[in-house]
Amino acid sequence: MEGAYNSFQLSELVDRTQIVITAQRLLDLTYKHSAKMLPAIIDDSLVQLPGGEEWKEGN
């Protein structure tokens, strides 16, 4: 949001536990896939997250 929120406001808007779980899942991908395949696999994973379709479309 281009700096619209400070860290305290963000912590009220997001589920910190879910963010940590998602981050760990993305990190785990680095151990399972080659560097060549990783960007596409990460993109596919990000599209599955809430708002992922909009991100893919550039919205």
C-alpha atoms as a PDB file:
ATOM      1  CA  MET A   1       0.000   0.000   0.000  1.00  0.00           C
ATOM      2  CA  GLU A   2       2.978   2.261  -0.624  1.00  0.00           C
ATOM      3  CA  GLY A   3       3.578   3.013   3.050  1.00  0.00           C
ATOM      4  CA  ALA A   4      -0.048   3.762   3.888  1.00  0.00           C
ATOM      5  CA  TYR A   5       0.142   1.611   7.040  1.00  0.00           C
ATOM      6  CA  ASN A   6       2.657   1.414   9.847  1.00  0.00           C
ATOM      7  CA  SER A   7       3.722  -1.924  11.349  1.00  0.00           C
ATOM      8  CA  PHE A   8       1.126  -1.740  14.117  1.00  0.00           C
ATOM      9  CA  GLN A   9      -1.707  -1.147  11.669  1.00  0.00           C
ATOM     10  CA  LEU A  10      -0.506  -3.967   9.425  1.00  0.00           C
ATOM     11  CA  SER A  11      -0.381  -6.395  12.332  1.00  0.00           C
ATOM     12  CA  GLU A  12      -4.084  -5.705  12.929  1.00  0.00           C
ATOM     13  CA  LEU A  13      -4.922  -6.331   9.271  1.00  0.00           C
ATOM     14  CA  VAL A  14      -3.128  -9.633   8.716  1.00  0.00           C
ATOM     15  CA  ASP A  15      -2.925 -13.065  10.282  1.00  0.00           C
ATOM     16  CA  ARG A  16       0.717 -13.278  11.356  1.00  0.00           C
ATOM     17  CA  THR A  17       0.568 -17.046  11.840  1.00  0.00           C
ATOM     18  CA  GLN A  18      -0.716 -17.547   8.310  1.00  0.00           C
ATOM     19  CA  ILE A  19       2.015 -15.314   6.924  1.00  0.00           C
ATOM     20  CA  VAL A  20       4.697 -17.374   8.685  1.00  0.00           C
ATOM     21  CA  ILE A  21       3.156 -20.632   7.414  1.00  0.00           C
ATOM     22  CA  THR A  22       3.024 -19.283   3.859  1.00  0.00           C
ATOM     23  CA  ALA A  23       6.592 -17.999   4.057  1.00  0.00           C
ATOM     24  CA  GLN A  24       7.822 -21.374   5.302  1.00  0.00           C
ATOM     25  CA  ARG A  25       5.975 -23.150   2.498  1.00  0.00           C
ATOM     26  CA  LEU A  26       7.604 -20.870  -0.067  1.00  0.00           C
ATOM     27  CA  LEU A  27      11.037 -21.384   1.496  1.00  0.00           C
ATOM     28  CA  ASP A  28      10.506 -25.136   1.415  1.00  0.00           C
ATOM     29  CA  LEU A  29      10.085 -24.893  -2.355  1.00  0.00           C
ATOM     30  CA  THR A  30      13.722 -23.803  -2.621  1.00  0.00           C
ATOM     31  CA  TYR A  31      14.789 -27.201  -1.285  1.00  0.00           C
ATOM     32  CA  LYS A  32      12.508 -29.195  -3.561  1.00  0.00           C
ATOM     33  CA  HIS A  33      13.001 -27.551  -6.958  1.00  0.00           C
ATOM     34  CA  SER A  34      15.875 -26.457  -9.146  1.00  0.00           C
ATOM     35  CA  ALA A  35      16.809 -22.809  -9.484  1.00  0.00           C
ATOM     36  CA  LYS A  36      15.667 -22.962 -13.090  1.00  0.00           C
ATOM     37  CA  MET A  37      12.144 -24.140 -12.225  1.00  0.00           C
ATOM     38  CA  LEU A  38      11.738 -22.173  -8.991  1.00  0.00           C
ATOM     39  CA  PRO A  39      10.464 -18.819 -10.369  1.00  0.00           C
ATOM     40  CA  ALA A  40       7.535 -20.452 -12.179  1.00  0.00           C
ATOM     41  CA  ILE A  41       6.698 -22.656  -9.207  1.00  0.00           C
ATOM     42  CA  ILE A  42       6.741 -19.686  -6.836  1.00  0.00           C
ATOM     43  CA  ASP A  43       4.510 -17.712  -9.201  1.00  0.00           C
ATOM     44  CA  ASP A  44       2.054 -20.620  -9.273  1.00  0.00           C
ATOM     45  CA  SER A  45       2.078 -20.724  -5.479  1.00  0.00           C
ATOM     46  CA  LEU A  46       1.506 -16.975  -5.174  1.00  0.00           C
ATOM     47  CA  VAL A  47      -1.483 -17.125  -7.509  1.00  0.00           C
ATOM     48  CA  GLN A  48      -3.122 -19.581  -5.088  1.00  0.00           C
ATOM     49  CA  LEU A  49      -2.996 -17.074  -2.220  1.00  0.00           C
ATOM     50  CA  PRO A  50      -5.838 -14.642  -1.491  1.00  0.00           C
ATOM     51  CA  GLY A  51      -5.558 -11.849  -4.058  1.00  0.00           C
ATOM     52  CA  GLY A  52      -3.283 -13.980  -6.211  1.00  0.00           C
ATOM     53  CA  GLU A  53      -5.411 -13.802  -9.314  1.00  0.00           C
ATOM     54  CA  GLU A  54      -5.491 -10.007  -9.097  1.00  0.00           C
ATOM     55  CA  TRP A  55      -1.709  -9.983  -8.609  1.00  0.00           C
ATOM     56  CA  LYS A  56      -1.295 -12.160 -11.696  1.00  0.00           C
ATOM     57  CA  GLU A  57      -3.426  -9.774 -13.734  1.00  0.00           C
ATOM     58  CA  GLY A  58      -1.471  -6.775 -12.440  1.00  0.00           C
ATOM     59  CA  ASN A  59      -4.331  -5.277 -10.449  1.00  0.00           C
END
